[in-house]
């Protein structure tokens, strides 16, 4: 099971990147068994940051823990270019695509290796099993994808369409075992982004229990911004969940 965590980006009261806090968090993250960390994703509003800010986040993480376990959520062509130059695999967001043809043209133009982030909030055209099969047949299917807001039946269909060499991450972690049984290689989960200490062992049942406990707390918050704020509180030194 691959565990992928959306990375938190800490900021000063003025909104600037807090390099010391983010670097300390990156070192804590590197000490877990998590397979990969997504930089500048939706969890910390990466889509609302500037290209310069997102580039600084990539640089900071790369300098702090190296690039092997990183992927950068890329919202613009400039993001893709910077990630690739830094040696970080880009996770390209499907944005405002109006057809499968447009998506296929995008896939063909992407650097290799490359990942995809498919979410209906950002594009009416998402990574469907039909699109994936067409891309695979054309030789333009990227190496992996995080897919959000899809049922387990679609995970199973995507597994069939993409083939065994493609890495598939389910964007929900509310039913890890079912996702894995459907064909996902792993899950992406924001509720563990605060890096609880002790960190759960690499077993689906223990990971699910830790996620459920964090999610229960987050679900008591009144909205997305409040849930994100709660994650940062949980990740802050001195909070019982951090152990530091």
Protein backbone atom coordinates (compact mmCIF):
# COMPACT_ATOMS: atom_id res chain seq x y z
CA UNK A 1 0.00 0.00 0.00
CA UNK A 2 1.34 3.40 -1.00
CA UNK A 3 0.53 6.26 1.36
CA UNK A 4 0.66 9.70 -0.25
CA UNK A 5 0.36 12.80 1.92
CA UNK A 6 -0.54 16.33 0.83
CA UNK A 7 2.24 18.42 2.38
CA UNK A 8 1.44 21.37 4.62
CA UNK A 9 2.99 24.75 3.79
CA UNK A 10 3.53 26.92 6.85
CA UNK A 11 3.24 30.69 6.56
CA UNK A 12 4.11 33.75 8.60
CA UNK A 13 1.32 35.98 9.93
CA UNK A 14 1.88 38.15 6.86
CA UNK A 15 1.31 35.24 4.48
CA UNK A 16 4.92 34.66 3.39
CA UNK A 17 6.40 31.17 3.27
CA UNK A 18 7.68 30.26 6.75
CA UNK A 19 10.83 28.50 5.65
CA UNK A 20 11.95 27.39 9.11
CA UNK A 21 8.60 25.86 10.08
CA UNK A 22 8.08 24.25 6.68
CA UNK A 23 11.60 22.79 6.64
CA UNK A 24 11.13 21.38 10.13
CA UNK A 25 7.84 19.83 9.02
CA UNK A 26 9.52 18.38 5.92
CA UNK A 27 12.15 16.69 8.07
CA UNK A 28 9.42 15.20 10.26
CA UNK A 29 7.60 13.99 7.16
CA UNK A 30 10.76 12.36 5.83
CA UNK A 31 10.97 10.37 9.05
CA UNK A 32 7.70 8.58 8.29
CA UNK A 33 7.24 5.66 5.91
CA UNK A 34 4.91 7.68 3.64
CA UNK A 35 5.62 6.89 0.00
CA UNK A 36 5.37 10.41 -1.38
CA UNK A 37 4.45 14.01 -0.50
CA UNK A 38 2.37 16.29 -2.73
CA UNK A 39 3.55 19.91 -2.70
CA UNK A 40 1.22 22.88 -3.27
CA UNK A 41 -1.94 20.81 -3.47
CA UNK A 42 -5.43 21.93 -2.57
CA UNK A 43 -5.05 21.09 1.13
CA UNK A 44 -2.99 24.23 1.70
CA UNK A 45 -4.39 26.29 -1.15
CA UNK A 46 -1.61 25.70 -3.65
CA UNK A 47 -3.95 26.66 -6.49
CA UNK A 48 -4.35 30.10 -4.93
CA UNK A 49 -0.62 30.75 -4.49
CA UNK A 50 1.61 32.41 -7.07
CA UNK A 51 3.94 30.51 -9.38
CA UNK A 52 6.86 32.08 -7.52
CA UNK A 53 5.49 30.86 -4.21
CA UNK A 54 4.93 27.34 -5.49
CA UNK A 55 8.46 27.27 -6.91
CA UNK A 56 9.85 28.34 -3.54
CA UNK A 57 7.99 25.48 -1.84
CA UNK A 58 9.46 22.98 -4.30
CA UNK A 59 12.96 24.37 -3.78
CA UNK A 60 12.66 24.31 0.00
CA UNK A 61 11.50 20.70 0.16
CA UNK A 62 14.08 19.56 -2.39
CA UNK A 63 16.87 21.21 -0.42
CA UNK A 64 15.59 19.81 2.88
CA UNK A 65 14.86 16.14 2.12
CA UNK A 66 15.85 15.59 -1.52
CA UNK A 67 13.52 14.93 -4.43
CA UNK A 68 12.96 11.16 -4.42
CA UNK A 69 9.71 11.24 -2.44
CA UNK A 70 8.29 14.49 -3.81
CA UNK A 71 5.74 15.37 -6.43
CA UNK A 72 4.72 18.96 -7.13
CA UNK A 73 1.12 19.81 -7.89
CA UNK A 74 1.41 21.84 -11.08
CA UNK A 75 -1.31 24.36 -11.87
CA UNK A 76 0.40 26.14 -14.77
CA UNK A 77 2.97 25.34 -17.47
CA UNK A 78 5.55 27.32 -15.48
CA UNK A 79 4.99 25.02 -12.51
CA UNK A 80 5.68 22.00 -14.71
CA UNK A 81 8.87 23.54 -16.05
CA UNK A 82 10.18 24.42 -12.60
CA UNK A 83 9.39 21.04 -11.07
CA UNK A 84 11.08 19.22 -13.94
CA UNK A 85 14.19 21.42 -13.74
CA UNK A 86 14.39 20.75 -10.00
CA UNK A 87 14.14 17.00 -10.48
CA UNK A 88 10.71 16.77 -8.86
CA UNK A 89 8.07 14.77 -10.73
CA UNK A 90 5.20 17.09 -11.71
CA UNK A 91 1.64 16.15 -10.77
CA UNK A 92 -0.24 18.02 -13.47
CA UNK A 93 -3.73 19.19 -12.57
CA UNK A 94 -6.35 18.61 -15.25
CA UNK A 95 -7.75 22.14 -15.58
CA UNK A 96 -10.62 23.39 -17.72
CA UNK A 97 -10.35 20.61 -20.29
CA UNK A 98 -13.39 20.54 -22.55
CA UNK A 99 -12.89 17.20 -24.29
CA UNK A 100 -10.94 13.96 -24.30
CA UNK A 101 -9.12 15.21 -27.39
CA UNK A 102 -7.86 18.23 -25.48
CA UNK A 103 -6.77 15.97 -22.63
CA UNK A 104 -4.90 13.65 -25.01
CA UNK A 105 -3.08 16.62 -26.53
CA UNK A 106 -2.07 17.70 -23.03
CA UNK A 107 -0.82 14.22 -22.14
CA UNK A 108 1.26 14.05 -25.31
CA UNK A 109 2.96 17.35 -24.48
CA UNK A 110 3.87 16.51 -20.88
CA UNK A 111 7.41 15.64 -19.75
CA UNK A 112 8.18 12.12 -18.61
CA UNK A 113 7.84 10.96 -15.94
CA UNK A 114 4.70 12.82 -15.01
CA UNK A 115 1.64 12.27 -12.83
CA UNK A 116 -1.94 13.54 -13.12
CA UNK A 117 -4.40 15.03 -10.63
CA UNK A 118 -7.98 14.49 -11.74
CA UNK A 119 -10.78 16.27 -9.84
CA UNK A 120 -14.15 17.40 -11.22
CA UNK A 121 -13.82 20.69 -9.34
CA UNK A 122 -11.10 21.78 -11.73
CA UNK A 123 -12.11 20.27 -15.07
CA UNK A 124 -15.29 18.95 -16.68
CA UNK A 125 -13.10 16.40 -18.47
CA UNK A 126 -11.50 14.05 -15.96
CA UNK A 127 -9.46 10.86 -16.17
CA UNK A 128 -12.19 8.37 -17.02
CA UNK A 129 -11.53 4.72 -17.87
CA UNK A 130 -12.33 5.53 -21.51
CA UNK A 131 -9.84 8.41 -21.65
CA UNK A 132 -7.20 6.34 -19.88
CA UNK A 133 -7.60 3.45 -22.30
CA UNK A 134 -7.32 5.77 -25.29
CA UNK A 135 -4.24 7.45 -23.83
CA UNK A 136 -2.63 4.10 -23.12
CA UNK A 137 -3.28 2.88 -26.66
CA UNK A 138 -1.78 6.09 -28.04
CA UNK A 139 1.30 5.80 -25.84
CA UNK A 140 0.67 9.09 -24.02
CA UNK A 141 -0.63 7.87 -20.65
CA UNK A 142 1.46 9.36 -17.82
CA UNK A 143 2.96 7.19 -15.09
CA UNK A 144 0.41 7.73 -12.33
CA UNK A 145 -2.66 9.64 -11.23
CA UNK A 146 -4.49 10.79 -8.16
CA UNK A 147 -8.21 10.54 -8.90
CA UNK A 148 -10.77 12.27 -6.70
CA UNK A 149 -14.53 12.00 -6.31
CA UNK A 150 -14.81 8.65 -8.07
CA UNK A 151 -16.66 5.53 -6.87
CA UNK A 152 -14.95 2.21 -6.28
CA UNK A 153 -16.39 0.91 -9.54
CA UNK A 154 -14.46 3.62 -11.39
CA UNK A 155 -11.26 2.72 -9.53
CA UNK A 156 -11.68 -0.85 -10.75
CA UNK A 157 -12.40 0.28 -14.31
CA UNK A 158 -9.40 2.63 -14.27
CA UNK A 159 -7.18 -0.22 -13.06
CA UNK A 160 -8.26 -2.29 -16.04
CA UNK A 161 -7.89 0.59 -18.49
CA UNK A 162 -4.46 1.74 -17.33
CA UNK A 163 -2.74 -1.61 -16.99
CA UNK A 164 -0.37 -3.00 -14.35
CA UNK A 165 2.47 -0.51 -14.85
CA UNK A 166 0.33 2.54 -14.04
CA UNK A 167 0.22 3.79 -10.43
CA UNK A 168 -3.29 4.66 -9.27
CA UNK A 169 -3.99 6.61 -6.08
CA UNK A 170 -7.51 6.97 -4.72
CA UNK A 171 -8.15 10.53 -3.56
CA UNK A 172 -10.31 9.34 -0.68
CA UNK A 173 -9.11 7.34 2.30
CA UNK A 174 -12.43 6.58 3.96
CA UNK A 175 -12.28 2.93 2.83
CA UNK A 176 -8.65 1.96 2.27
CA UNK A 177 -9.10 -1.80 2.02
CA UNK A 178 -11.94 -1.43 -0.48
CA UNK A 179 -9.85 0.99 -2.57
CA UNK A 180 -6.95 -1.44 -2.64
CA UNK A 181 -9.24 -4.34 -3.46
CA UNK A 182 -10.67 -2.31 -6.35
CA UNK A 183 -7.20 -1.89 -7.81
CA UNK A 184 -5.72 1.27 -6.30
CA UNK A 185 -2.02 1.13 -5.48
CA UNK A 186 -2.56 3.44 -2.55
CA UNK A 187 -4.43 6.40 -1.19
CA UNK A 188 -3.94 10.13 -0.77
CA UNK A 189 -5.02 11.37 2.64
CA UNK A 190 -4.99 14.87 4.06
CA UNK A 191 -6.10 13.76 7.56
CA UNK A 192 -2.61 12.37 8.20
CA UNK A 193 -0.84 15.47 6.90
CA UNK A 194 -0.33 16.67 10.46
CA UNK A 195 2.03 13.68 10.94
CA UNK A 196 0.67 12.13 14.14
CA UNK A 197 3.19 10.72 16.58
CA UNK A 198 3.25 7.81 16.84
CA UNK A 199 2.72 7.48 13.12
CA UNK A 200 0.59 4.45 12.21
CA UNK A 201 2.33 1.30 11.03
CA UNK A 202 2.22 0.40 7.35
CA UNK A 203 -0.88 -1.75 7.69
CA UNK A 204 -4.23 -0.78 6.21
CA UNK A 205 -6.17 -1.30 9.43
CA UNK A 206 -3.83 0.87 11.50
CA UNK A 207 -3.67 3.59 8.86
CA UNK A 208 -7.47 3.57 8.57
CA UNK A 209 -7.87 3.89 12.34
CA UNK A 210 -5.50 6.87 12.47
CA UNK A 211 -7.23 8.53 9.52
CA UNK A 212 -10.68 7.96 11.01
CA UNK A 213 -9.64 9.49 14.33
CA UNK A 214 -8.25 12.60 12.63
CA UNK A 215 -11.18 12.81 10.22
CA UNK A 216 -13.66 12.66 13.10
CA UNK A 217 -12.05 15.75 14.59
CA UNK A 218 -11.83 17.54 11.24
CA UNK A 219 -15.48 16.80 10.49
CA UNK A 220 -16.46 18.83 13.55
CA UNK A 221 -15.07 21.96 11.90
CA UNK A 222 -17.52 24.29 10.11
CA UNK A 223 -15.93 24.29 6.65
CA UNK A 224 -12.89 23.67 4.44
CA UNK A 225 -10.88 26.62 5.77
CA UNK A 226 -11.57 25.61 9.36
CA UNK A 227 -10.55 22.02 8.63
CA UNK A 228 -7.29 23.22 7.09
CA UNK A 229 -6.63 25.45 10.09
CA UNK A 230 -7.27 22.50 12.39
CA UNK A 231 -4.68 20.44 10.50
CA UNK A 232 -2.07 23.14 11.11
CA UNK A 233 -2.94 23.27 14.80
CA UNK A 234 -2.59 19.49 14.99
CA UNK A 235 0.79 19.70 13.22
CA UNK A 236 2.18 22.38 15.51
CA UNK A 237 4.84 21.50 18.08
CA UNK A 238 3.24 21.05 21.49
CA UNK A 239 -0.02 19.59 20.19
CA UNK A 240 -0.62 16.12 21.68
CA UNK A 241 -0.80 14.54 18.21
CA UNK A 242 2.74 15.56 17.27
CA UNK A 243 4.62 14.16 20.22
CA UNK A 244 7.05 17.11 20.05
